[in-house]
PDB file of N, CA and C in Angstrom:
ATOM      1  N   VAL A   1       0.855  -1.306  -0.019  1.00  0.00           N
ATOM      2  CA  VAL A   1       0.073   0.065  -0.067  1.00  0.00           C
ATOM      3  C   VAL A   1       0.907   1.241  -0.014  1.00  0.00           C
ATOM      4  N   ARG A   2       2.096   0.993   0.395  1.00  0.00           N
ATOM      5  CA  ARG A   2       2.951   2.160   0.608  1.00  0.00           C
ATOM      6  C   ARG A   2       3.537   2.723  -0.708  1.00  0.00           C
ATOM      7  N   ASP A   3       3.271   1.965  -1.904  1.00  0.00           N
ATOM      8  CA  ASP A   3       3.754   2.314  -3.311  1.00  0.00           C
ATOM      9  C   ASP A   3       2.961   3.066  -4.021  1.00  0.00           C
ATOM     10  N   LEU A   4       1.772   3.422  -3.269  1.00  0.00           N
ATOM     11  CA  LEU A   4       0.788   4.306  -4.105  1.00  0.00           C
ATOM     12  C   LEU A   4       1.327   5.712  -4.337  1.00  0.00           C
ATOM     13  N   GLN A   5       0.943   6.118  -5.540  1.00  0.00           N
ATOM     14  CA  GLN A   5       1.401   7.441  -5.908  1.00  0.00           C
ATOM     15  C   GLN A   5      -0.022   8.333  -6.171  1.00  0.00           C
ATOM     16  N   GLN A   6       0.383   9.647  -5.923  1.00  0.00           N
ATOM     17  CA  GLN A   6      -0.828  10.680  -6.140  1.00  0.00           C
ATOM     18  C   GLN A   6      -1.299  10.783  -7.490  1.00  0.00           C
ATOM     19  N   LEU A   7      -2.529  10.668  -7.980  1.00  0.00           N
ATOM     20  CA  LEU A   7      -2.604  10.969  -9.344  1.00  0.00           C
ATOM     21  C   LEU A   7      -2.615  12.447  -9.597  1.00  0.00           C
ATOM     22  N   PRO A   8      -2.305  12.847 -10.841  1.00  0.00           N
ATOM     23  CA  PRO A   8      -2.331  14.200 -11.161  1.00  0.00           C
ATOM     24  C   PRO A   8      -3.869  14.770 -11.214  1.00  0.00           C
ATOM     25  N   LEU A   9      -3.991  15.949 -11.028  1.00  0.00           N
ATOM     26  CA  LEU A   9      -5.069  16.646 -11.167  1.00  0.00           C
ATOM     27  C   LEU A   9      -5.518  16.875 -12.571  1.00  0.00           C
ATOM     28  N   VAL A  10      -6.724  16.475 -13.177  1.00  0.00           N
ATOM     29  CA  VAL A  10      -7.094  16.470 -14.417  1.00  0.00           C
ATOM     30  C   VAL A  10      -7.934  17.848 -14.657  1.00  0.00           C
ATOM     31  N   GLN A  11      -7.524  18.648 -15.424  1.00  0.00           N
ATOM     32  CA  GLN A  11      -8.191  20.005 -15.674  1.00  0.00           C
ATOM     33  C   GLN A  11      -9.233  19.744 -17.002  1.00  0.00           C
ATOM     34  N   GLU A  12     -10.399  19.734 -16.643  1.00  0.00           N
ATOM     35  CA  GLU A  12     -11.420  19.442 -17.796  1.00  0.00           C
ATOM     36  C   GLU A  12     -12.556  20.041 -17.509  1.00  0.00           C
ATOM     37  N   SER A  13     -13.607  20.593 -18.579  1.00  0.00           N
ATOM     38  CA  SER A  13     -14.642  21.389 -18.425  1.00  0.00           C
ATOM     39  C   SER A  13     -15.691  20.278 -17.761  1.00  0.00           C
ATOM     40  N   VAL A  14     -16.727  20.999 -17.432  1.00  0.00           N
ATOM     41  CA  VAL A  14     -17.892  20.105 -17.063  1.00  0.00           C
ATOM     42  C   VAL A  14     -18.395  19.345 -18.057  1.00  0.00           C
ATOM     43  N   ASP A  15     -18.508  19.862 -19.211  1.00  0.00           N
ATOM     44  CA  ASP A  15     -18.887  19.051 -20.341  1.00  0.00           C
ATOM     45  C   ASP A  15     -18.035  17.833 -20.828  1.00  0.00           C
ATOM     46  N   GLU A  16     -16.760  18.120 -20.504  1.00  0.00           N
ATOM     47  CA  GLU A  16     -15.840  16.997 -20.860  1.00  0.00           C
ATOM     48  C   GLU A  16     -15.814  15.878 -19.709  1.00  0.00           C
ATOM     49  N   MET A  17     -16.198  16.369 -18.399  1.00  0.00           N
ATOM     50  CA  MET A  17     -16.220  15.285 -17.512  1.00  0.00           C
ATOM     51  C   MET A  17     -17.562  14.584 -17.728  1.00  0.00           C
ATOM     52  N   LYS A  18     -18.523  15.134 -17.844  1.00  0.00           N
ATOM     53  CA  LYS A  18     -19.830  14.601 -18.280  1.00  0.00           C
ATOM     54  C   LYS A  18     -19.613  13.501 -19.371  1.00  0.00           C
ATOM     55  N   GLU A  19     -19.040  13.965 -20.447  1.00  0.00           N
ATOM     56  CA  GLU A  19     -18.888  13.108 -21.622  1.00  0.00           C
ATOM     57  C   GLU A  19     -18.023  11.793 -21.218  1.00  0.00           C
ATOM     58  N   ARG A  20     -17.051  12.047 -20.246  1.00  0.00           N
ATOM     59  CA  ARG A  20     -16.290  11.093 -19.775  1.00  0.00           C
ATOM     60  C   ARG A  20     -17.082   9.966 -18.982  1.00  0.00           C
ATOM     61  N   ILE A  21     -18.030  10.507 -18.083  1.00  0.00           N
ATOM     62  CA  ILE A  21     -18.788   9.724 -17.301  1.00  0.00           C
ATOM     63  C   ILE A  21     -19.849   8.842 -18.109  1.00  0.00           C
ATOM     64  N   ILE A  22     -20.361   9.456 -19.016  1.00  0.00           N
ATOM     65  CA  ILE A  22     -21.135   8.819 -20.109  1.00  0.00           C
ATOM     66  C   ILE A  22     -20.611   7.810 -20.764  1.00  0.00           C
ATOM     67  N   SER A  23     -19.371   8.081 -21.205  1.00  0.00           N
ATOM     68  CA  SER A  23     -18.719   7.203 -22.038  1.00  0.00           C
ATOM     69  C   SER A  23     -18.292   5.831 -21.115  1.00  0.00           C
ATOM     70  N   ALA A  24     -17.894   6.007 -19.917  1.00  0.00           N
ATOM     71  CA  ALA A  24     -17.438   5.026 -18.922  1.00  0.00           C
ATOM     72  C   ALA A  24     -18.644   4.062 -18.552  1.00  0.00           C
ATOM     73  N   HIS A  25     -19.857   4.785 -18.333  1.00  0.00           N
ATOM     74  CA  HIS A  25     -21.111   4.002 -17.901  1.00  0.00           C
ATOM     75  C   HIS A  25     -21.672   3.305 -19.131  1.00  0.00           C
ATOM     76  N   ARG A  26     -21.322   3.692 -20.333  1.00  0.00           N
ATOM     77  CA  ARG A  26     -21.775   3.018 -21.700  1.00  0.00           C
ATOM     78  C   ARG A  26     -21.051   1.691 -21.859  1.00  0.00           C
ATOM     79  N   VAL A  27     -19.568   1.703 -21.275  1.00  0.00           N
ATOM     80  CA  VAL A  27     -18.787   0.643 -21.504  1.00  0.00           C
ATOM     81  C   VAL A  27     -19.317  -0.293 -20.455  1.00  0.00           C
ATOM     82  N   LEU A  28     -19.458   0.069 -19.264  1.00  0.00           N
ATOM     83  CA  LEU A  28     -20.010  -0.890 -18.152  1.00  0.00           C
ATOM     84  C   LEU A  28     -21.251  -1.669 -18.491  1.00  0.00           C
ATOM     85  N   MET A  29     -22.165  -0.810 -19.209  1.00  0.00           N
ATOM     86  CA  MET A  29     -23.425  -1.172 -19.655  1.00  0.00           C
ATOM     87  C   MET A  29     -23.224  -2.403 -20.672  1.00  0.00           C
ATOM     88  N   THR A  30     -22.149  -2.544 -21.425  1.00  0.00           N
ATOM     89  CA  THR A  30     -21.867  -3.545 -22.347  1.00  0.00           C
ATOM     90  C   THR A  30     -21.522  -4.729 -21.765  1.00  0.00           C
ATOM     91  N   LEU A  31     -20.899  -4.762 -20.417  1.00  0.00           N
ATOM     92  CA  LEU A  31     -20.664  -5.972 -19.843  1.00  0.00           C
ATOM     93  C   LEU A  31     -21.500  -6.937 -19.576  1.00  0.00           C
ATOM     94  N   ASN A  32     -22.520  -6.472 -18.984  1.00  0.00           N
ATOM     95  CA  ASN A  32     -23.649  -7.424 -18.551  1.00  0.00           C
ATOM     96  C   ASN A  32     -25.047  -6.866 -18.373  1.00  0.00           C
ATOM     97  N   GLU A  33     -26.065  -7.638 -18.372  1.00  0.00           N
ATOM     98  CA  GLU A  33     -27.548  -7.197 -18.178  1.00  0.00           C
ATOM     99  C   GLU A  33     -27.706  -6.318 -16.987  1.00  0.00           C
ATOM    100  N   THR A  34     -27.120  -6.830 -15.844  1.00  0.00           N
ATOM    101  CA  THR A  34     -27.336  -6.252 -14.504  1.00  0.00           C
ATOM    102  C   THR A  34     -26.646  -4.718 -14.643  1.00  0.00           C
ATOM    103  N   ASN A  35     -25.518  -4.570 -15.240  1.00  0.00           N
ATOM    104  CA  ASN A  35     -25.001  -3.199 -15.532  1.00  0.00           C
ATOM    105  C   ASN A  35     -25.844  -2.437 -16.309  1.00  0.00           C
ATOM    106  N   ARG A  36     -26.337  -3.120 -17.408  1.00  0.00           N
ATOM    107  CA  ARG A  36     -27.238  -2.149 -18.378  1.00  0.00           C
ATOM    108  C   ARG A  36     -28.319  -1.754 -17.590  1.00  0.00           C
ATOM    109  N   GLU A  37     -28.999  -2.586 -16.883  1.00  0.00           N
ATOM    110  CA  GLU A  37     -30.265  -2.197 -16.243  1.00  0.00           C
ATOM    111  C   GLU A  37     -29.769  -0.921 -14.933  1.00  0.00           C
ATOM    112  N   ALA A  38     -28.726  -1.118 -14.443  1.00  0.00           N
ATOM    113  CA  ALA A  38     -28.246  -0.449 -13.365  1.00  0.00           C
ATOM    114  C   ALA A  38     -27.744   1.017 -13.801  1.00  0.00           C
ATOM    115  N   PHE A  39     -27.310   1.042 -15.192  1.00  0.00           N
ATOM    116  CA  PHE A  39     -26.738   2.520 -15.466  1.00  0.00           C
ATOM    117  C   PHE A  39     -27.753   2.991 -16.691  1.00  0.00           C
ATOM    118  N   LYS A  40     -28.564   2.453 -17.090  1.00  0.00           N
ATOM    119  CA  LYS A  40     -29.422   2.999 -18.312  1.00  0.00           C
ATOM    120  C   LYS A  40     -30.021   4.472 -18.119  1.00  0.00           C
ATOM    121  N   ASP A  41     -30.650   4.501 -16.824  1.00  0.00           N
ATOM    122  CA  ASP A  41     -31.330   5.710 -16.452  1.00  0.00           C
ATOM    123  C   ASP A  41     -30.400   6.856 -16.158  1.00  0.00           C
ATOM    124  N   LEU A  42     -29.109   6.618 -15.566  1.00  0.00           N
ATOM    125  CA  LEU A  42     -28.108   7.668 -15.371  1.00  0.00           C
ATOM    126  C   LEU A  42     -27.614   8.117 -16.786  1.00  0.00           C
ATOM    127  N   VAL A  43     -27.310   7.146 -17.509  1.00  0.00           N
ATOM    128  CA  VAL A  43     -26.892   7.500 -19.210  1.00  0.00           C
ATOM    129  C   VAL A  43     -27.864   8.262 -19.802  1.00  0.00           C
ATOM    130  N   SER A  44     -29.117   7.837 -19.655  1.00  0.00           N
ATOM    131  CA  SER A  44     -30.220   8.769 -20.477  1.00  0.00           C
ATOM    132  C   SER A  44     -30.398  10.052 -19.921  1.00  0.00           C
ATOM    133  N   THR A  45     -30.361  10.182 -18.477  1.00  0.00           N
ATOM    134  CA  THR A  45     -30.448  11.435 -17.973  1.00  0.00           C
ATOM    135  C   THR A  45     -29.161  12.452 -18.273  1.00  0.00           C
ATOM    136  N   LEU A  46     -28.099  11.931 -18.215  1.00  0.00           N
ATOM    137  CA  LEU A  46     -26.831  12.722 -18.583  1.00  0.00           C
ATOM    138  C   LEU A  46     -26.991  13.120 -19.907  1.00  0.00           C
ATOM    139  N   GLU A  47     -27.405  12.231 -20.882  1.00  0.00           N
ATOM    140  CA  GLU A  47     -27.599  12.565 -22.330  1.00  0.00           C
ATOM    141  C   GLU A  47     -28.686  13.561 -22.637  1.00  0.00           C
ATOM    142  N   ALA A  48     -29.757  13.666 -21.836  1.00  0.00           N
ATOM    143  CA  ALA A  48     -30.810  14.595 -21.938  1.00  0.00           C
ATOM    144  C   ALA A  48     -30.377  15.921 -21.464  1.00  0.00           C
ATOM    145  N   ILE A  49     -29.470  16.075 -20.569  1.00  0.00           N
ATOM    146  CA  ILE A  49     -28.940  17.215 -20.297  1.00  0.00           C
ATOM    147  C   ILE A  49     -28.088  17.945 -21.285  1.00  0.00           C
ATOM    148  N   ASP A  50     -27.487  17.147 -22.009  1.00  0.00           N
ATOM    149  CA  ASP A  50     -26.815  17.593 -23.226  1.00  0.00           C
ATOM    150  C   ASP A  50     -27.839  18.257 -24.271  1.00  0.00           C
ATOM    151  N   GLU A  51     -29.008  17.829 -24.335  1.00  0.00           N
ATOM    152  CA  GLU A  51     -29.867  18.238 -25.426  1.00  0.00           C
ATOM    153  C   GLU A  51     -30.751  19.494 -25.101  1.00  0.00           C
ATOM    154  N   LYS A  52     -30.363  19.958 -23.890  1.00  0.00           N
ATOM    155  CA  LYS A  52     -31.128  21.181 -23.260  1.00  0.00           C
ATOM    156  C   LYS A  52     -30.286  22.365 -23.728  1.00  0.00           C
TER     157      LYS A  52
END
């Protein structure tokens, strides 16, 4: 545990962060049906925010 290193702070806009979250959850949704069901509403909600 002592070999852990601090990760650098990532500077990105709110839109970039939202896209990263959507993308990551889309990948998780492809892994199995449980994930698809668990994350579909989150992804739909985040995508709808983009449309406003």
